[in-house]
Amino acid sequence: MSAARHDPSPVNPNAAPALFPRQIAVMTLALVACSFAGNHVAARLAFENGTGLLLAVLCRSGVALLILISIVTMQRHSIRLPRRLGRWQLLLGLMITIQSLCLYSAVARVPVALALLTANTFPIILALLTWGLGGARPTLKSAALMLFILSGLVLALDLPGILGGGIAVTDEWWLGIVFALMAATALSVAFWVTDHKLAALNGSVRSMFTMVVVFIAMIMAGIGDVLPGGMATPQALPGWIGLAVLVTLYGSAFSVLFITVPRLDMARNAPVMNVEPIATLLFGWVVLDQMISPIQMVGGLIVVSGIVILTLRKSA
């Protein structure tokens, strides 16, 4: 301790923290991904037992907001938001609000793994959105990867069997898939706004303001009864357990990710997060007895592997 106190070498408080060893970083990201997967499965359990959609998002965003306020306070970041960025920050918050509502709406209607696989196609939408707004045109290899991912999604959803009449699905199933695609679109817009309009804003501060918007939006929607039954409390013990686990897992994963992200070498290790749909498949089977067919499993693996390859190519 005394040696450190009398060390004459200068210390730069703004220096980047040392990176974790690769194995620790990978295990941390895998744990975070599994926690997020468990959060979605717990959400389905809560919804099946009467929990309102708005209440689930409100509780989740409230915990995340408390965590971010603590991080911003401890790190003593300025929370002054430049006026020119205000509208973009509001748009980001609204996109995350829509993404949260749509994803949970999808989870409530279709097997959780299928909802996550469909929503995880957002890199394709983001690439096309970036191109449409004047960014770089996707390369031929990227376009081929996108088609590869979409072919996997077709198998994961078993569209040939559905369109051929061999598998019957309800209107609620189709609505769930539409909600998952809407969640992917909203998340793509959120990423575009973050990268092109709010990149100069500190990440913790930006996320804090985003969660403020989500939290306030949920309260306003609840007061206005925008979604009937949206603030309903669980009607049975499993619903309360699902809601508690949802909040705990999301809050824990959110905390670990935000606190350790400077040491995780995300440019190299981010593809590990794509284990989330696979973990969701396992948890959905164990907790909810949700099973998908072998052909759907193959499609899911194609989607995940394609997204991993696409992410690795962008970070290379």
C-alpha atoms as a PDB file:
ATOM      1  CA  MET A   1       0.000   0.000   0.000  1.00  0.00           C
ATOM      2  CA  SER A   2       2.770   2.443   0.937  1.00  0.00           C
ATOM      3  CA  ALA A   3       4.707   1.627  -2.223  1.00  0.00           C
ATOM      4  CA  ALA A   4       1.703   2.544  -4.316  1.00  0.00           C
ATOM      5  CA  ARG A   5       1.233   5.751  -2.333  1.00  0.00           C
ATOM      6  CA  HIS A   6       4.803   6.907  -2.949  1.00  0.00           C
ATOM      7  CA  ASP A   7       5.022   5.770  -6.567  1.00  0.00           C
ATOM      8  CA  PRO A   8       6.493   8.811  -8.373  1.00  0.00           C
ATOM      9  CA  SER A   9       5.104   7.805 -11.771  1.00  0.00           C
ATOM     10  CA  PRO A  10       2.172   9.952 -12.884  1.00  0.00           C
ATOM     11  CA  VAL A  11      -1.278   8.408 -12.953  1.00  0.00           C
ATOM     12  CA  ASN A  12      -3.738   9.390 -15.636  1.00  0.00           C
ATOM     13  CA  PRO A  13      -7.262   9.197 -14.185  1.00  0.00           C
ATOM     14  CA  ASN A  14      -8.684   9.152 -17.719  1.00  0.00           C
ATOM     15  CA  ALA A  15      -6.615   6.170 -18.819  1.00  0.00           C
ATOM     16  CA  ALA A  16      -8.598   3.197 -20.061  1.00  0.00           C
ATOM     17  CA  PRO A  17      -8.831   0.377 -17.500  1.00  0.00           C
ATOM     18  CA  ALA A  18      -6.888  -2.802 -18.163  1.00  0.00           C
ATOM     19  CA  LEU A  19      -8.730  -5.385 -20.222  1.00  0.00           C
ATOM     20  CA  PHE A  20      -9.836  -8.662 -18.673  1.00  0.00           C
ATOM     21  CA  PRO A  21      -8.116 -11.831 -19.895  1.00  0.00           C
ATOM     22  CA  ARG A  22      -9.995 -13.187 -22.931  1.00  0.00           C
ATOM     23  CA  GLN A  23     -11.440 -16.149 -21.001  1.00  0.00           C
ATOM     24  CA  ILE A  24     -12.852 -13.885 -18.262  1.00  0.00           C
ATOM     25  CA  ALA A  25     -14.332 -11.473 -20.802  1.00  0.00           C
ATOM     26  CA  VAL A  26     -15.985 -14.288 -22.755  1.00  0.00           C
ATOM     27  CA  MET A  27     -17.415 -15.900 -19.604  1.00  0.00           C
ATOM     28  CA  THR A  28     -18.722 -12.521 -18.407  1.00  0.00           C
ATOM     29  CA  LEU A  29     -20.471 -11.807 -21.711  1.00  0.00           C
ATOM     30  CA  ALA A  30     -21.881 -15.332 -21.848  1.00  0.00           C
ATOM     31  CA  LEU A  31     -23.264 -14.904 -18.320  1.00  0.00           C
ATOM     32  CA  VAL A  32     -24.799 -11.556 -19.273  1.00  0.00           C
ATOM     33  CA  ALA A  33     -26.359 -13.079 -22.401  1.00  0.00           C
ATOM     34  CA  CYS A  34     -27.814 -15.965 -20.379  1.00  0.00           C
ATOM     35  CA  SER A  35     -29.223 -13.491 -17.851  1.00  0.00           C
ATOM     36  CA  PHE A  36     -30.928 -11.504 -20.598  1.00  0.00           C
ATOM     37  CA  ALA A  37     -32.289 -14.785 -21.994  1.00  0.00           C
ATOM     38  CA  GLY A  38     -33.632 -15.737 -18.575  1.00  0.00           C
ATOM     39  CA  ASN A  39     -35.247 -12.315 -18.328  1.00  0.00           C
ATOM     40  CA  HIS A  40     -37.322 -12.994 -21.445  1.00  0.00           C
ATOM     41  CA  VAL A  41     -38.373 -16.446 -20.267  1.00  0.00           C
ATOM     42  CA  ALA A  42     -39.347 -14.995 -16.879  1.00  0.00           C
ATOM     43  CA  ALA A  43     -41.344 -12.316 -18.717  1.00  0.00           C
ATOM     44  CA  ARG A  44     -43.341 -15.000 -20.543  1.00  0.00           C
ATOM     45  CA  LEU A  45     -44.023 -16.720 -17.211  1.00  0.00           C
ATOM     46  CA  ALA A  46     -45.202 -13.407 -15.760  1.00  0.00           C
ATOM     47  CA  PHE A  47     -47.460 -12.673 -18.758  1.00  0.00           C
ATOM     48  CA  GLU A  48     -49.027 -16.140 -18.607  1.00  0.00           C
ATOM     49  CA  ASN A  49     -50.067 -15.358 -15.044  1.00  0.00           C
ATOM     50  CA  GLY A  50     -51.750 -12.027 -15.650  1.00  0.00           C
ATOM     51  CA  THR A  51     -48.868  -9.540 -15.414  1.00  0.00           C
ATOM     52  CA  GLY A  52     -49.458  -6.417 -17.489  1.00  0.00           C
ATOM     53  CA  LEU A  53     -47.020  -5.563 -20.275  1.00  0.00           C
ATOM     54  CA  LEU A  54     -46.578  -1.953 -19.164  1.00  0.00           C
ATOM     55  CA  LEU A  55     -45.915  -3.008 -15.589  1.00  0.00           C
ATOM     56  CA  ALA A  56     -43.150  -5.394 -16.678  1.00  0.00           C
ATOM     57  CA  VAL A  57     -41.403  -2.732 -18.767  1.00  0.00           C
ATOM     58  CA  LEU A  58     -41.911  -0.128 -16.021  1.00  0.00           C
ATOM     59  CA  CYS A  59     -40.283  -2.339 -13.374  1.00  0.00           C
ATOM     60  CA  ARG A  60     -37.431  -3.293 -15.686  1.00  0.00           C
ATOM     61  CA  SER A  61     -36.697   0.258 -16.795  1.00  0.00           C
ATOM     62  CA  GLY A  62     -37.017   1.556 -13.224  1.00  0.00           C
ATOM     63  CA  VAL A  63     -34.301  -0.809 -11.999  1.00  0.00           C
ATOM     64  CA  ALA A  64     -32.084   0.039 -14.972  1.00  0.00           C
ATOM     65  CA  LEU A  65     -32.603   3.764 -14.325  1.00  0.00           C
ATOM     66  CA  LEU A  66     -31.560   3.440 -10.665  1.00  0.00           C
ATOM     67  CA  ILE A  67     -28.435   1.557 -11.729  1.00  0.00           C
ATOM     68  CA  LEU A  68     -27.518   4.179 -14.317  1.00  0.00           C
ATOM     69  CA  ILE A  69     -28.113   7.070 -11.915  1.00  0.00           C
ATOM     70  CA  SER A  70     -25.755   5.365  -9.466  1.00  0.00           C
ATOM     71  CA  ILE A  71     -23.098   4.859 -12.148  1.00  0.00           C
ATOM     72  CA  VAL A  72     -23.342   8.437 -13.417  1.00  0.00           C
ATOM     73  CA  THR A  73     -23.198   9.773  -9.845  1.00  0.00           C
ATOM     74  CA  MET A  74     -20.209   7.657  -8.841  1.00  0.00           C
ATOM     75  CA  GLN A  75     -18.319   8.547 -12.005  1.00  0.00           C
ATOM     76  CA  ARG A  76     -19.291  12.213 -11.597  1.00  0.00           C
ATOM     77  CA  HIS A  77     -20.377  12.684 -15.191  1.00  0.00           C
ATOM     78  CA  SER A  78     -22.024  15.921 -16.228  1.00  0.00           C
ATOM     79  CA  ILE A  79     -25.704  15.404 -17.007  1.00  0.00           C
ATOM     80  CA  ARG A  80     -26.038  18.593 -18.991  1.00  0.00           C
ATOM     81  CA  LEU A  81     -27.593  17.711 -22.333  1.00  0.00           C
ATOM     82  CA  PRO A  82     -26.759  20.066 -25.217  1.00  0.00           C
ATOM     83  CA  ARG A  83     -29.933  21.543 -26.678  1.00  0.00           C
ATOM     84  CA  ARG A  84     -29.076  20.384 -30.186  1.00  0.00           C
ATOM     85  CA  LEU A  85     -29.027  16.777 -28.968  1.00  0.00           C
ATOM     86  CA  GLY A  86     -32.294  16.922 -27.051  1.00  0.00           C
ATOM     87  CA  ARG A  87     -34.564  15.792 -29.877  1.00  0.00           C
ATOM     88  CA  TRP A  88     -32.231  12.947 -30.818  1.00  0.00           C
ATOM     89  CA  GLN A  89     -32.041  11.782 -27.212  1.00  0.00           C
ATOM     90  CA  LEU A  90     -35.840  11.847 -27.031  1.00  0.00           C
ATOM     91  CA  LEU A  91     -36.049   9.839 -30.262  1.00  0.00           C
ATOM     92  CA  LEU A  92     -33.588   7.296 -28.868  1.00  0.00           C
ATOM     93  CA  GLY A  93     -35.660   6.911 -25.708  1.00  0.00           C
ATOM     94  CA  LEU A  94     -38.867   6.476 -27.694  1.00  0.00           C
ATOM     95  CA  MET A  95     -37.242   3.847 -29.943  1.00  0.00           C
ATOM     96  CA  ILE A  96     -36.088   1.849 -26.930  1.00  0.00           C
ATOM     97  CA  THR A  97     -39.583   2.186 -25.457  1.00  0.00           C
ATOM     98  CA  ILE A  98     -41.115   0.803 -28.653  1.00  0.00           C
ATOM     99  CA  GLN A  99     -38.491  -1.943 -28.840  1.00  0.00           C
ATOM    100  CA  SER A 100     -39.166  -3.037 -25.262  1.00  0.00           C
ATOM    101  CA  LEU A 101     -42.943  -3.091 -25.715  1.00  0.00           C
ATOM    102  CA  CYS A 102     -42.806  -4.863 -29.066  1.00  0.00           C
ATOM    103  CA  LEU A 103     -40.314  -7.497 -27.920  1.00  0.00           C
ATOM    104  CA  TYR A 104     -42.325  -8.314 -24.803  1.00  0.00           C
ATOM    105  CA  SER A 105     -45.484  -8.369 -26.939  1.00  0.00           C
ATOM    106  CA  ALA A 106     -43.776 -10.927 -29.187  1.00  0.00           C
ATOM    107  CA  VAL A 107     -42.580 -12.968 -26.206  1.00  0.00           C
ATOM    108  CA  ALA A 108     -46.156 -13.107 -24.918  1.00  0.00           C
ATOM    109  CA  ARG A 109     -47.445 -14.580 -28.196  1.00  0.00           C
ATOM    110  CA  VAL A 110     -44.843 -16.927 -29.696  1.00  0.00           C
ATOM    111  CA  PRO A 111     -42.190 -19.254 -28.280  1.00  0.00           C
ATOM    112  CA  VAL A 112     -39.587 -17.052 -26.629  1.00  0.00           C
ATOM    113  CA  ALA A 113     -36.697 -18.403 -28.702  1.00  0.00           C
ATOM    114  CA  LEU A 114     -38.494 -17.584 -31.978  1.00  0.00           C
ATOM    115  CA  ALA A 115     -39.255 -14.057 -30.762  1.00  0.00           C
ATOM    116  CA  LEU A 116     -35.569 -13.509 -29.930  1.00  0.00           C
ATOM    117  CA  LEU A 117     -34.307 -15.024 -33.186  1.00  0.00           C
ATOM    118  CA  THR A 118     -36.638 -12.807 -35.220  1.00  0.00           C
ATOM    119  CA  ALA A 119     -35.732  -9.673 -33.248  1.00  0.00           C
ATOM    120  CA  ASN A 120     -32.025 -10.481 -33.532  1.00  0.00           C
ATOM    121  CA  THR A 121     -32.133  -9.896 -37.282  1.00  0.00           C
ATOM    122  CA  PHE A 122     -31.789  -6.174 -36.527  1.00  0.00           C
ATOM    123  CA  PRO A 123     -28.228  -5.986 -37.982  1.00  0.00           C
ATOM    124  CA  ILE A 124     -29.768  -6.505 -41.436  1.00  0.00           C
ATOM    125  CA  ILE A 125     -32.264  -3.693 -40.936  1.00  0.00           C
ATOM    126  CA  LEU A 126     -29.537  -1.463 -39.496  1.00  0.00           C
ATOM    127  CA  ALA A 127     -27.279  -2.043 -42.502  1.00  0.00           C
ATOM    128  CA  LEU A 128     -30.094  -1.230 -44.919  1.00  0.00           C
ATOM    129  CA  LEU A 129     -31.169   1.800 -42.869  1.00  0.00           C
ATOM    130  CA  THR A 130     -27.619   3.142 -42.780  1.00  0.00           C
ATOM    131  CA  TRP A 131     -27.334   2.699 -46.543  1.00  0.00           C
ATOM    132  CA  GLY A 132     -30.707   4.359 -47.140  1.00  0.00           C
ATOM    133  CA  LEU A 133     -29.690   7.380 -45.045  1.00  0.00           C
ATOM    134  CA  GLY A 134     -26.505   7.976 -46.990  1.00  0.00           C
ATOM    135  CA  GLY A 135     -24.123   5.533 -45.366  1.00  0.00           C
ATOM    136  CA  ALA A 136     -21.949   2.850 -46.885  1.00  0.00           C
ATOM    137  CA  ARG A 137     -23.580   0.402 -49.250  1.00  0.00           C
ATOM    138  CA  PRO A 138     -23.481  -3.212 -47.998  1.00  0.00           C
ATOM    139  CA  THR A 139     -20.763  -5.194 -49.711  1.00  0.00           C
ATOM    140  CA  LEU A 140     -21.565  -8.261 -51.778  1.00  0.00           C
ATOM    141  CA  LYS A 141     -20.311 -10.489 -48.940  1.00  0.00           C
ATOM    142  CA  SER A 142     -22.470  -8.652 -46.407  1.00  0.00           C
ATOM    143  CA  ALA A 143     -25.507  -8.990 -48.672  1.00  0.00           C
ATOM    144  CA  ALA A 144     -24.841 -12.715 -49.027  1.00  0.00           C
ATOM    145  CA  LEU A 145     -24.612 -13.037 -45.244  1.00  0.00           C
ATOM    146  CA  MET A 146     -27.909 -11.191 -44.861  1.00  0.00           C
ATOM    147  CA  LEU A 147     -29.590 -13.625 -47.239  1.00  0.00           C
ATOM    148  CA  PHE A 148     -27.998 -16.480 -45.285  1.00  0.00           C
ATOM    149  CA  ILE A 149     -29.458 -15.106 -42.039  1.00  0.00           C
ATOM    150  CA  LEU A 150     -32.890 -14.619 -43.624  1.00  0.00           C
ATOM    151  CA  SER A 151     -32.864 -18.186 -44.951  1.00  0.00           C
ATOM    152  CA  GLY A 152     -32.152 -19.365 -41.409  1.00  0.00           C
ATOM    153  CA  LEU A 153     -35.049 -17.271 -40.110  1.00  0.00           C
ATOM    154  CA  VAL A 154     -37.370 -18.854 -42.694  1.00  0.00           C
ATOM    155  CA  LEU A 155     -36.396 -22.285 -41.338  1.00  0.00           C
ATOM    156  CA  ALA A 156     -36.551 -21.156 -37.692  1.00  0.00           C
ATOM    157  CA  LEU A 157     -40.121 -19.983 -38.195  1.00  0.00           C
ATOM    158  CA  ASP A 158     -40.838 -23.081 -40.321  1.00  0.00           C
ATOM    159  CA  LEU A 159     -42.510 -20.906 -42.944  1.00  0.00           C
ATOM    160  CA  PRO A 160     -42.479 -23.689 -45.582  1.00  0.00           C
ATOM    161  CA  GLY A 161     -44.556 -25.892 -43.275  1.00  0.00           C
ATOM    162  CA  ILE A 162     -46.896 -23.041 -42.351  1.00  0.00           C
ATOM    163  CA  LEU A 163     -47.446 -21.801 -45.910  1.00  0.00           C
ATOM    164  CA  GLY A 164     -47.800 -25.375 -47.140  1.00  0.00           C
ATOM    165  CA  GLY A 165     -50.608 -26.001 -44.684  1.00  0.00           C
ATOM    166  CA  GLY A 166     -48.760 -28.671 -42.728  1.00  0.00           C
ATOM    167  CA  ILE A 167     -48.559 -26.524 -39.587  1.00  0.00           C
ATOM    168  CA  ALA A 168     -51.446 -24.487 -38.204  1.00  0.00           C
ATOM    169  CA  VAL A 169     -50.721 -21.181 -36.494  1.00  0.00           C
ATOM    170  CA  THR A 170     -53.060 -18.580 -35.058  1.00  0.00           C
ATOM    171  CA  ASP A 171     -53.398 -14.910 -35.856  1.00  0.00           C
ATOM    172  CA  GLU A 172     -51.720 -14.241 -32.488  1.00  0.00           C
ATOM    173  CA  TRP A 173     -48.648 -16.131 -33.718  1.00  0.00           C
ATOM    174  CA  TRP A 174     -48.378 -13.954 -36.810  1.00  0.00           C
ATOM    175  CA  LEU A 175     -48.929 -10.852 -34.693  1.00  0.00           C
ATOM    176  CA  GLY A 176     -46.097 -11.968 -32.407  1.00  0.00           C
ATOM    177  CA  ILE A 177     -43.715 -12.271 -35.361  1.00  0.00           C
ATOM    178  CA  VAL A 178     -44.751  -8.815 -36.593  1.00  0.00           C
ATOM    179  CA  PHE A 179     -44.053  -7.406 -33.114  1.00  0.00           C
ATOM    180  CA  ALA A 180     -40.603  -9.054 -33.122  1.00  0.00           C
ATOM    181  CA  LEU A 181     -39.796  -7.461 -36.492  1.00  0.00           C
ATOM    182  CA  MET A 182     -41.029  -4.105 -35.195  1.00  0.00           C
ATOM    183  CA  ALA A 183     -38.729  -4.521 -32.191  1.00  0.00           C
ATOM    184  CA  ALA A 184     -35.815  -5.203 -34.552  1.00  0.00           C
ATOM    185  CA  THR A 185     -36.673  -2.105 -36.601  1.00  0.00           C
ATOM    186  CA  ALA A 186     -36.944   0.143 -33.530  1.00  0.00           C
ATOM    187  CA  LEU A 187     -33.616  -1.157 -32.212  1.00  0.00           C
ATOM    188  CA  SER A 188     -31.990  -0.493 -35.589  1.00  0.00           C
ATOM    189  CA  VAL A 189     -33.175   3.120 -35.528  1.00  0.00           C
ATOM    190  CA  ALA A 190     -31.913   3.419 -31.945  1.00  0.00           C
ATOM    191  CA  PHE A 191     -28.461   2.184 -32.960  1.00  0.00           C
ATOM    192  CA  TRP A 192     -28.373   4.541 -35.947  1.00  0.00           C
ATOM    193  CA  VAL A 193     -29.279   7.532 -33.779  1.00  0.00           C
ATOM    194  CA  THR A 194     -26.672   6.513 -31.196  1.00  0.00           C
ATOM    195  CA  ASP A 195     -23.889   6.092 -33.759  1.00  0.00           C
ATOM    196  CA  HIS A 196     -24.652   9.111 -35.943  1.00  0.00           C
ATOM    197  CA  LYS A 197     -26.218  11.702 -33.639  1.00  0.00           C
ATOM    198  CA  LEU A 198     -25.322  10.916 -30.016  1.00  0.00           C
ATOM    199  CA  ALA A 199     -21.880   9.327 -30.249  1.00  0.00           C
ATOM    200  CA  ALA A 200     -20.263  12.325 -28.521  1.00  0.00           C
ATOM    201  CA  LEU A 201     -22.488  11.924 -25.448  1.00  0.00           C
ATOM    202  CA  ASN A 202     -21.114   9.826 -22.585  1.00  0.00           C
ATOM    203  CA  GLY A 203     -22.536   6.303 -22.776  1.00  0.00           C
ATOM    204  CA  SER A 204     -23.774   6.153 -19.184  1.00  0.00           C
ATOM    205  CA  VAL A 205     -25.414   9.576 -19.418  1.00  0.00           C
ATOM    206  CA  ARG A 206     -27.001   8.731 -22.757  1.00  0.00           C
ATOM    207  CA  SER A 207     -28.381   5.471 -21.383  1.00  0.00           C
ATOM    208  CA  MET A 208     -29.643   7.214 -18.251  1.00  0.00           C
ATOM    209  CA  PHE A 209     -31.618   9.748 -20.279  1.00  0.00           C
ATOM    210  CA  THR A 210     -32.906   6.909 -22.461  1.00  0.00           C
ATOM    211  CA  MET A 211     -34.236   5.047 -19.433  1.00  0.00           C
ATOM    212  CA  VAL A 212     -35.784   8.273 -18.103  1.00  0.00           C
ATOM    213  CA  VAL A 213     -37.805   8.484 -21.331  1.00  0.00           C
ATOM    214  CA  VAL A 214     -38.819   4.808 -21.141  1.00  0.00           C
ATOM    215  CA  PHE A 215     -39.812   5.083 -17.477  1.00  0.00           C
ATOM    216  CA  ILE A 216     -41.874   8.253 -17.976  1.00  0.00           C
ATOM    217  CA  ALA A 217     -43.484   6.832 -21.118  1.00  0.00           C
ATOM    218  CA  MET A 218     -44.616   3.731 -19.200  1.00  0.00           C
ATOM    219  CA  ILE A 219     -46.102   5.846 -16.397  1.00  0.00           C
ATOM    220  CA  MET A 220     -47.953   8.064 -18.880  1.00  0.00           C
ATOM    221  CA  ALA A 221     -49.215   5.035 -20.813  1.00  0.00           C
ATOM    222  CA  GLY A 222     -50.424   3.455 -17.578  1.00  0.00           C
ATOM    223  CA  ILE A 223     -52.205   6.601 -16.398  1.00  0.00           C
ATOM    224  CA  GLY A 224     -53.803   7.067 -19.805  1.00  0.00           C
ATOM    225  CA  ASP A 225     -54.813   3.400 -19.968  1.00  0.00           C
ATOM    226  CA  VAL A 226     -53.264   3.253 -23.434  1.00  0.00           C
ATOM    227  CA  LEU A 227     -53.000  -0.522 -23.159  1.00  0.00           C
ATOM    228  CA  PRO A 228     -55.958  -2.016 -21.247  1.00  0.00           C
ATOM    229  CA  GLY A 229     -54.644  -4.250 -18.496  1.00  0.00           C
ATOM    230  CA  GLY A 230     -51.124  -3.020 -19.103  1.00  0.00           C
ATOM    231  CA  MET A 231     -50.555  -2.236 -15.434  1.00  0.00           C
ATOM    232  CA  ALA A 232     -52.242  -5.397 -14.133  1.00  0.00           C
ATOM    233  CA  THR A 233     -50.444  -7.140 -11.292  1.00  0.00           C
ATOM    234  CA  PRO A 234     -49.806 -10.910 -11.378  1.00  0.00           C
ATOM    235  CA  GLN A 235     -52.822 -13.052 -10.559  1.00  0.00           C
ATOM    236  CA  ALA A 236     -50.879 -16.030  -9.218  1.00  0.00           C
ATOM    237  CA  LEU A 237     -47.621 -16.767  -7.402  1.00  0.00           C
ATOM    238  CA  PRO A 238     -45.775 -17.892 -10.585  1.00  0.00           C
ATOM    239  CA  GLY A 239     -46.545 -14.468 -12.042  1.00  0.00           C
ATOM    240  CA  TRP A 240     -44.959 -12.695  -9.088  1.00  0.00           C
ATOM    241  CA  ILE A 241     -41.964 -15.015  -9.307  1.00  0.00           C
ATOM    242  CA  GLY A 242     -41.643 -14.321 -13.027  1.00  0.00           C
ATOM    243  CA  LEU A 243     -41.814 -10.561 -12.480  1.00  0.00           C
ATOM    244  CA  ALA A 244     -39.244 -10.698  -9.663  1.00  0.00           C
ATOM    245  CA  VAL A 245     -36.874 -12.894 -11.678  1.00  0.00           C
ATOM    246  CA  LEU A 246     -37.334 -10.664 -14.726  1.00  0.00           C
ATOM    247  CA  VAL A 247     -36.322  -7.557 -12.795  1.00  0.00           C
ATOM    248  CA  THR A 248     -33.468  -9.315 -10.970  1.00  0.00           C
ATOM    249  CA  LEU A 249     -31.909 -10.884 -14.060  1.00  0.00           C
ATOM    250  CA  TYR A 250     -32.270  -7.775 -16.202  1.00  0.00           C
ATOM    251  CA  GLY A 251     -30.920  -5.513 -13.467  1.00  0.00           C
ATOM    252  CA  SER A 252     -27.986  -7.838 -12.742  1.00  0.00           C
ATOM    253  CA  ALA A 253     -27.055  -8.268 -16.408  1.00  0.00           C
ATOM    254  CA  PHE A 254     -27.453  -4.553 -17.047  1.00  0.00           C
ATOM    255  CA  SER A 255     -25.217  -3.699 -14.077  1.00  0.00           C
ATOM    256  CA  VAL A 256     -22.474  -6.177 -14.958  1.00  0.00           C
ATOM    257  CA  LEU A 257     -22.451  -5.118 -18.594  1.00  0.00           C
ATOM    258  CA  PHE A 258     -22.269  -1.390 -17.901  1.00  0.00           C
ATOM    259  CA  ILE A 259     -19.702  -1.649 -15.128  1.00  0.00           C
ATOM    260  CA  THR A 260     -17.356  -4.050 -16.914  1.00  0.00           C
ATOM    261  CA  VAL A 261     -17.803  -3.048 -20.565  1.00  0.00           C
ATOM    262  CA  PRO A 262     -14.596  -0.929 -20.665  1.00  0.00           C
ATOM    263  CA  ARG A 263     -12.632  -4.068 -19.775  1.00  0.00           C
ATOM    264  CA  LEU A 264     -14.410  -6.553 -22.043  1.00  0.00           C
ATOM    265  CA  ASP A 265     -12.831  -5.644 -25.425  1.00  0.00           C
ATOM    266  CA  MET A 266     -16.276  -5.530 -27.037  1.00  0.00           C
ATOM    267  CA  ALA A 267     -14.911  -5.030 -30.549  1.00  0.00           C
ATOM    268  CA  ARG A 268     -13.416  -8.512 -30.284  1.00  0.00           C
ATOM    269  CA  ASN A 269     -15.797 -10.306 -27.924  1.00  0.00           C
ATOM    270  CA  ALA A 270     -19.254  -8.856 -28.658  1.00  0.00           C
ATOM    271  CA  PRO A 271     -20.329 -11.847 -30.820  1.00  0.00           C
ATOM    272  CA  VAL A 272     -20.444 -13.926 -27.621  1.00  0.00           C
ATOM    273  CA  MET A 273     -23.682 -12.079 -26.800  1.00  0.00           C
ATOM    274  CA  ASN A 274     -25.358 -13.990 -29.636  1.00  0.00           C
ATOM    275  CA  VAL A 275     -25.552 -16.995 -27.339  1.00  0.00           C
ATOM    276  CA  GLU A 276     -28.730 -15.354 -25.973  1.00  0.00           C
ATOM    277  CA  PRO A 277     -31.214 -17.021 -28.385  1.00  0.00           C
ATOM    278  CA  ILE A 278     -29.610 -20.418 -27.757  1.00  0.00           C
ATOM    279  CA  ALA A 279     -29.847 -19.931 -23.991  1.00  0.00           C
ATOM    280  CA  THR A 280     -33.444 -18.769 -24.449  1.00  0.00           C
ATOM    281  CA  LEU A 281     -34.228 -21.991 -26.298  1.00  0.00           C
ATOM    282  CA  LEU A 282     -32.835 -24.047 -23.406  1.00  0.00           C
ATOM    283  CA  PHE A 283     -34.527 -21.998 -20.666  1.00  0.00           C
ATOM    284  CA  GLY A 284     -37.816 -21.963 -22.577  1.00  0.00           C
ATOM    285  CA  TRP A 285     -37.741 -25.755 -22.756  1.00  0.00           C
ATOM    286  CA  VAL A 286     -36.883 -26.204 -19.062  1.00  0.00           C
ATOM    287  CA  VAL A 287     -39.170 -23.531 -17.577  1.00  0.00           C
ATOM    288  CA  LEU A 288     -42.024 -23.228 -20.077  1.00  0.00           C
ATOM    289  CA  ASP A 289     -41.901 -26.615 -21.810  1.00  0.00           C
ATOM    290  CA  GLN A 290     -41.585 -24.808 -25.150  1.00  0.00           C
ATOM    291  CA  MET A 291     -40.074 -26.966 -27.863  1.00  0.00           C
ATOM    292  CA  ILE A 292     -39.236 -26.256 -31.477  1.00  0.00           C
ATOM    293  CA  SER A 293     -38.703 -28.799 -34.230  1.00  0.00           C
ATOM    294  CA  PRO A 294     -35.269 -29.980 -35.439  1.00  0.00           C
ATOM    295  CA  ILE A 295     -35.609 -27.937 -38.646  1.00  0.00           C
ATOM    296  CA  GLN A 296     -36.342 -24.847 -36.548  1.00  0.00           C
ATOM    297  CA  MET A 297     -33.245 -25.545 -34.447  1.00  0.00           C
ATOM    298  CA  VAL A 298     -31.151 -25.720 -37.618  1.00  0.00           C
ATOM    299  CA  GLY A 299     -32.650 -22.429 -38.752  1.00  0.00           C
ATOM    300  CA  GLY A 300     -31.863 -20.866 -35.384  1.00  0.00           C
ATOM    301  CA  LEU A 301     -28.239 -21.974 -35.603  1.00  0.00           C
ATOM    302  CA  ILE A 302     -28.009 -20.481 -39.104  1.00  0.00           C
ATOM    303  CA  VAL A 303     -29.374 -17.147 -37.858  1.00  0.00           C
ATOM    304  CA  VAL A 304     -27.005 -17.002 -34.881  1.00  0.00           C
ATOM    305  CA  SER A 305     -23.931 -18.085 -36.859  1.00  0.00           C
ATOM    306  CA  GLY A 306     -24.713 -15.611 -39.637  1.00  0.00           C
ATOM    307  CA  ILE A 307     -25.057 -12.732 -37.176  1.00  0.00           C
ATOM    308  CA  VAL A 308     -21.787 -13.742 -35.482  1.00  0.00           C
ATOM    309  CA  ILE A 309     -19.957 -13.773 -38.834  1.00  0.00           C
ATOM    310  CA  LEU A 310     -21.508 -10.436 -39.811  1.00  0.00           C
ATOM    311  CA  THR A 311     -20.449  -8.915 -36.469  1.00  0.00           C
ATOM    312  CA  LEU A 312     -16.917 -10.285 -36.760  1.00  0.00           C
ATOM    313  CA  ARG A 313     -16.551  -8.862 -40.265  1.00  0.00           C
ATOM    314  CA  LYS A 314     -17.629  -5.392 -39.091  1.00  0.00           C
ATOM    315  CA  SER A 315     -15.270  -5.446 -36.098  1.00  0.00           C
ATOM    316  CA  ALA A 316     -12.306  -6.753 -38.072  1.00  0.00           C
END
